[in-house]
């Protein structure tokens, strides 16, 4: 489930609100063990996602690095190449 959480720091352009929210949602799903909470737990689930997304955005805003920003297309191409190699017939 958490394989969908990607590194969000040090990219140009910076991570969007949607990317931060998606990572928070995956985290809460993993921790709670539920992809679709019951009506009784919906408010707590949604509140946790919002809080984690908020804190994650603060973390990303506060992190500093001397490394040059990564290019999303280049990183995606690298990931695709690793995946192709990993799942290539032996």
N, C-alpha and C. Protein backbone atom coordinates (compact mmCIF):
# COMPACT_ATOMS: atom_id res chain seq x y z
N UNK A 1 0.82 -1.19 0.00
CA UNK A 1 0.00 0.00 0.00
C UNK A 1 0.86 1.26 0.00
N UNK A 2 1.93 1.30 0.77
CA UNK A 2 2.76 2.50 0.87
C UNK A 2 3.73 2.65 -0.29
N UNK A 3 3.70 1.75 -1.23
CA UNK A 3 4.58 1.90 -2.39
C UNK A 3 4.23 3.14 -3.18
N UNK A 4 3.03 3.64 -3.00
CA UNK A 4 2.59 4.82 -3.74
C UNK A 4 3.12 6.12 -3.16
N UNK A 5 3.69 6.07 -1.97
CA UNK A 5 4.25 7.28 -1.38
C UNK A 5 5.61 7.51 -2.01
N UNK A 6 5.76 8.63 -2.64
CA UNK A 6 7.00 8.97 -3.34
C UNK A 6 7.72 10.09 -2.60
N UNK A 7 9.02 10.20 -2.84
CA UNK A 7 9.79 11.31 -2.31
C UNK A 7 9.22 12.60 -2.88
N UNK A 8 8.97 13.56 -2.02
CA UNK A 8 8.39 14.82 -2.46
C UNK A 8 9.36 15.99 -2.29
N UNK A 9 10.47 15.76 -1.64
CA UNK A 9 11.42 16.83 -1.36
C UNK A 9 12.41 17.03 -2.50
N UNK A 10 12.76 18.27 -2.73
CA UNK A 10 13.81 18.69 -3.66
C UNK A 10 13.47 18.39 -5.12
N UNK A 11 12.24 18.70 -5.51
CA UNK A 11 11.85 18.59 -6.91
C UNK A 11 11.51 19.97 -7.45
N UNK A 12 11.69 20.13 -8.72
CA UNK A 12 11.31 21.36 -9.40
C UNK A 12 10.33 20.99 -10.49
N UNK A 13 9.11 21.43 -10.48
CA UNK A 13 8.50 22.29 -9.47
C UNK A 13 8.24 21.52 -8.17
N UNK A 14 8.01 22.26 -7.11
CA UNK A 14 7.80 21.66 -5.79
C UNK A 14 6.55 20.79 -5.80
N UNK A 15 6.47 19.91 -4.82
CA UNK A 15 5.32 19.00 -4.70
C UNK A 15 4.03 19.80 -4.60
N UNK A 16 3.02 19.33 -5.33
CA UNK A 16 1.72 20.01 -5.31
C UNK A 16 0.92 19.60 -4.08
N UNK A 17 -0.12 20.35 -3.79
CA UNK A 17 -1.00 20.00 -2.68
C UNK A 17 -1.62 18.62 -2.90
N UNK A 18 -1.93 18.29 -4.15
CA UNK A 18 -2.51 16.98 -4.45
C UNK A 18 -1.53 15.85 -4.14
N UNK A 19 -0.25 16.05 -4.45
CA UNK A 19 0.75 15.03 -4.17
C UNK A 19 0.93 14.84 -2.66
N UNK A 20 0.93 15.94 -1.92
CA UNK A 20 1.07 15.87 -0.47
C UNK A 20 -0.15 15.17 0.13
N UNK A 21 -1.33 15.52 -0.36
CA UNK A 21 -2.56 14.89 0.14
C UNK A 21 -2.57 13.39 -0.17
N UNK A 22 -2.15 13.01 -1.36
CA UNK A 22 -2.12 11.60 -1.74
C UNK A 22 -1.17 10.81 -0.84
N UNK A 23 -0.02 11.39 -0.51
CA UNK A 23 0.93 10.72 0.37
C UNK A 23 0.33 10.58 1.77
N UNK A 24 -0.33 11.63 2.25
CA UNK A 24 -0.97 11.57 3.57
C UNK A 24 -2.07 10.52 3.60
N UNK A 25 -2.86 10.45 2.54
CA UNK A 25 -3.93 9.47 2.45
C UNK A 25 -3.37 8.05 2.49
N UNK A 26 -2.30 7.79 1.74
CA UNK A 26 -1.68 6.46 1.75
C UNK A 26 -1.14 6.11 3.13
N UNK A 27 -0.55 7.10 3.81
CA UNK A 27 -0.02 6.86 5.14
C UNK A 27 -1.14 6.48 6.11
N UNK A 28 -2.23 7.25 6.10
CA UNK A 28 -3.34 6.98 7.01
C UNK A 28 -3.99 5.63 6.68
N UNK A 29 -4.09 5.30 5.41
CA UNK A 29 -4.62 3.99 5.03
C UNK A 29 -3.76 2.87 5.59
N UNK A 30 -2.46 3.03 5.51
CA UNK A 30 -1.54 1.99 5.99
C UNK A 30 -1.63 1.86 7.50
N UNK A 31 -1.60 2.98 8.20
CA UNK A 31 -1.61 2.96 9.66
C UNK A 31 -2.94 2.42 10.19
N UNK A 32 -4.04 2.83 9.56
CA UNK A 32 -5.35 2.41 10.05
C UNK A 32 -5.73 1.01 9.58
N UNK A 33 -5.08 0.53 8.52
CA UNK A 33 -5.42 -0.77 7.99
C UNK A 33 -6.73 -0.77 7.22
N UNK A 34 -7.13 0.42 6.78
CA UNK A 34 -8.42 0.55 6.10
C UNK A 34 -8.29 1.48 4.91
N UNK A 35 -8.75 1.03 3.76
CA UNK A 35 -8.74 1.91 2.60
C UNK A 35 -10.02 2.72 2.52
N UNK A 36 -11.10 2.17 3.06
CA UNK A 36 -12.39 2.86 3.09
C UNK A 36 -12.95 2.74 4.51
N UNK A 37 -12.78 3.78 5.33
CA UNK A 37 -13.25 3.69 6.72
C UNK A 37 -14.78 3.63 6.79
N UNK A 38 -15.27 3.08 7.86
CA UNK A 38 -16.71 3.03 8.08
C UNK A 38 -17.22 4.44 8.36
N UNK A 39 -18.52 4.61 8.30
CA UNK A 39 -19.11 5.93 8.59
C UNK A 39 -18.71 6.40 9.98
N UNK A 40 -18.64 5.47 10.93
CA UNK A 40 -18.27 5.83 12.30
C UNK A 40 -16.86 6.37 12.40
N UNK A 41 -15.97 5.94 11.50
CA UNK A 41 -14.58 6.37 11.55
C UNK A 41 -14.22 7.40 10.49
N UNK A 42 -15.14 7.76 9.62
CA UNK A 42 -14.86 8.67 8.50
C UNK A 42 -14.30 10.01 8.97
N UNK A 43 -14.89 10.62 9.99
CA UNK A 43 -14.43 11.94 10.45
C UNK A 43 -13.00 11.87 10.98
N UNK A 44 -12.71 10.84 11.78
CA UNK A 44 -11.35 10.70 12.32
C UNK A 44 -10.35 10.44 11.20
N UNK A 45 -10.73 9.62 10.24
CA UNK A 45 -9.88 9.30 9.09
C UNK A 45 -9.57 10.56 8.29
N UNK A 46 -10.60 11.31 7.93
CA UNK A 46 -10.42 12.53 7.15
C UNK A 46 -9.61 13.58 7.90
N UNK A 47 -9.86 13.68 9.22
CA UNK A 47 -9.10 14.63 10.04
C UNK A 47 -7.61 14.25 10.06
N UNK A 48 -7.33 12.96 10.20
CA UNK A 48 -5.93 12.51 10.21
C UNK A 48 -5.26 12.81 8.89
N UNK A 49 -5.94 12.58 7.77
CA UNK A 49 -5.35 12.88 6.45
C UNK A 49 -5.04 14.36 6.35
N UNK A 50 -5.97 15.20 6.76
CA UNK A 50 -5.76 16.65 6.67
C UNK A 50 -4.60 17.10 7.55
N UNK A 51 -4.52 16.58 8.76
CA UNK A 51 -3.44 16.96 9.68
C UNK A 51 -2.07 16.50 9.15
N UNK A 52 -2.00 15.28 8.66
CA UNK A 52 -0.73 14.77 8.15
C UNK A 52 -0.31 15.52 6.89
N UNK A 53 -1.25 15.84 6.03
CA UNK A 53 -0.93 16.63 4.84
C UNK A 53 -0.40 18.01 5.24
N UNK A 54 -1.01 18.61 6.24
CA UNK A 54 -0.59 19.92 6.73
C UNK A 54 0.84 19.87 7.28
N UNK A 55 1.10 18.90 8.13
CA UNK A 55 2.43 18.75 8.72
C UNK A 55 3.46 18.40 7.66
N UNK A 56 3.09 17.57 6.70
CA UNK A 56 4.00 17.20 5.62
C UNK A 56 4.39 18.43 4.80
N UNK A 57 3.42 19.30 4.53
CA UNK A 57 3.72 20.52 3.78
C UNK A 57 4.68 21.41 4.56
N UNK A 58 4.48 21.51 5.87
CA UNK A 58 5.40 22.28 6.71
C UNK A 58 6.81 21.68 6.65
N UNK A 59 6.90 20.36 6.72
CA UNK A 59 8.19 19.69 6.65
C UNK A 59 8.88 20.01 5.33
N UNK A 60 8.16 19.87 4.24
CA UNK A 60 8.76 20.14 2.93
C UNK A 60 9.20 21.59 2.80
N UNK A 61 8.42 22.50 3.37
CA UNK A 61 8.78 23.92 3.32
C UNK A 61 10.03 24.22 4.14
N UNK A 62 10.24 23.47 5.23
CA UNK A 62 11.36 23.75 6.14
C UNK A 62 12.65 23.03 5.79
N UNK A 63 12.58 21.96 5.01
CA UNK A 63 13.78 21.21 4.66
C UNK A 63 14.69 22.03 3.75
N UNK A 64 15.98 21.92 3.96
CA UNK A 64 16.96 22.61 3.12
C UNK A 64 17.94 21.57 2.57
N UNK A 65 18.49 21.88 1.42
CA UNK A 65 19.49 21.00 0.81
C UNK A 65 20.40 21.83 -0.07
N UNK A 66 21.61 21.35 -0.25
CA UNK A 66 22.54 22.02 -1.16
C UNK A 66 22.54 21.34 -2.53
N UNK A 67 21.82 20.22 -2.63
CA UNK A 67 21.75 19.50 -3.90
C UNK A 67 20.84 20.25 -4.87
N UNK A 68 21.15 20.17 -6.15
CA UNK A 68 20.27 20.82 -7.13
C UNK A 68 18.93 20.09 -7.19
N UNK A 69 17.84 20.80 -7.48
CA UNK A 69 16.53 20.16 -7.56
C UNK A 69 16.50 19.07 -8.62
N UNK A 70 15.74 18.02 -8.35
CA UNK A 70 15.60 16.92 -9.30
C UNK A 70 14.51 17.27 -10.32
N UNK A 71 14.67 16.73 -11.50
CA UNK A 71 13.68 16.91 -12.56
C UNK A 71 12.71 15.74 -12.53
N UNK A 72 11.43 16.02 -12.49
CA UNK A 72 10.42 14.96 -12.37
C UNK A 72 10.47 13.98 -13.54
N UNK A 73 10.64 14.49 -14.75
CA UNK A 73 10.66 13.61 -15.92
C UNK A 73 11.87 12.68 -15.91
N UNK A 74 13.01 13.20 -15.52
CA UNK A 74 14.23 12.38 -15.45
C UNK A 74 14.07 11.29 -14.40
N UNK A 75 13.55 11.66 -13.23
CA UNK A 75 13.36 10.67 -12.16
C UNK A 75 12.32 9.62 -12.57
N UNK A 76 11.28 10.02 -13.27
CA UNK A 76 10.26 9.08 -13.74
C UNK A 76 10.87 8.10 -14.76
N UNK A 77 11.72 8.60 -15.64
CA UNK A 77 12.38 7.74 -16.62
C UNK A 77 13.30 6.73 -15.94
N UNK A 78 14.02 7.17 -14.90
CA UNK A 78 14.88 6.26 -14.15
C UNK A 78 14.05 5.17 -13.48
N UNK A 79 12.93 5.54 -12.89
CA UNK A 79 12.07 4.57 -12.22
C UNK A 79 11.49 3.58 -13.22
N UNK A 80 11.12 4.07 -14.39
CA UNK A 80 10.57 3.19 -15.42
C UNK A 80 11.62 2.20 -15.89
N UNK A 81 12.87 2.65 -16.04
CA UNK A 81 13.96 1.76 -16.45
C UNK A 81 14.23 0.70 -15.38
N UNK A 82 14.22 1.12 -14.10
CA UNK A 82 14.43 0.14 -13.02
C UNK A 82 13.31 -0.89 -13.00
N UNK A 83 12.08 -0.43 -13.22
CA UNK A 83 10.94 -1.34 -13.23
C UNK A 83 11.04 -2.32 -14.39
N UNK A 84 11.40 -1.83 -15.56
CA UNK A 84 11.53 -2.70 -16.73
C UNK A 84 12.59 -3.76 -16.50
N UNK A 85 13.71 -3.37 -15.89
CA UNK A 85 14.77 -4.32 -15.60
C UNK A 85 14.33 -5.34 -14.56
N UNK A 86 13.64 -4.88 -13.55
CA UNK A 86 13.19 -5.77 -12.47
C UNK A 86 12.19 -6.80 -12.95
N UNK A 87 11.29 -6.41 -13.86
CA UNK A 87 10.25 -7.30 -14.30
C UNK A 87 10.52 -7.92 -15.68
N UNK A 88 11.72 -7.75 -16.19
CA UNK A 88 12.09 -8.35 -17.48
C UNK A 88 12.18 -9.86 -17.33
N UNK A 89 11.74 -10.59 -18.34
CA UNK A 89 11.86 -12.05 -18.27
C UNK A 89 13.32 -12.47 -18.15
N UNK A 90 13.55 -13.44 -17.32
CA UNK A 90 14.94 -13.88 -17.09
C UNK A 90 15.36 -14.93 -18.09
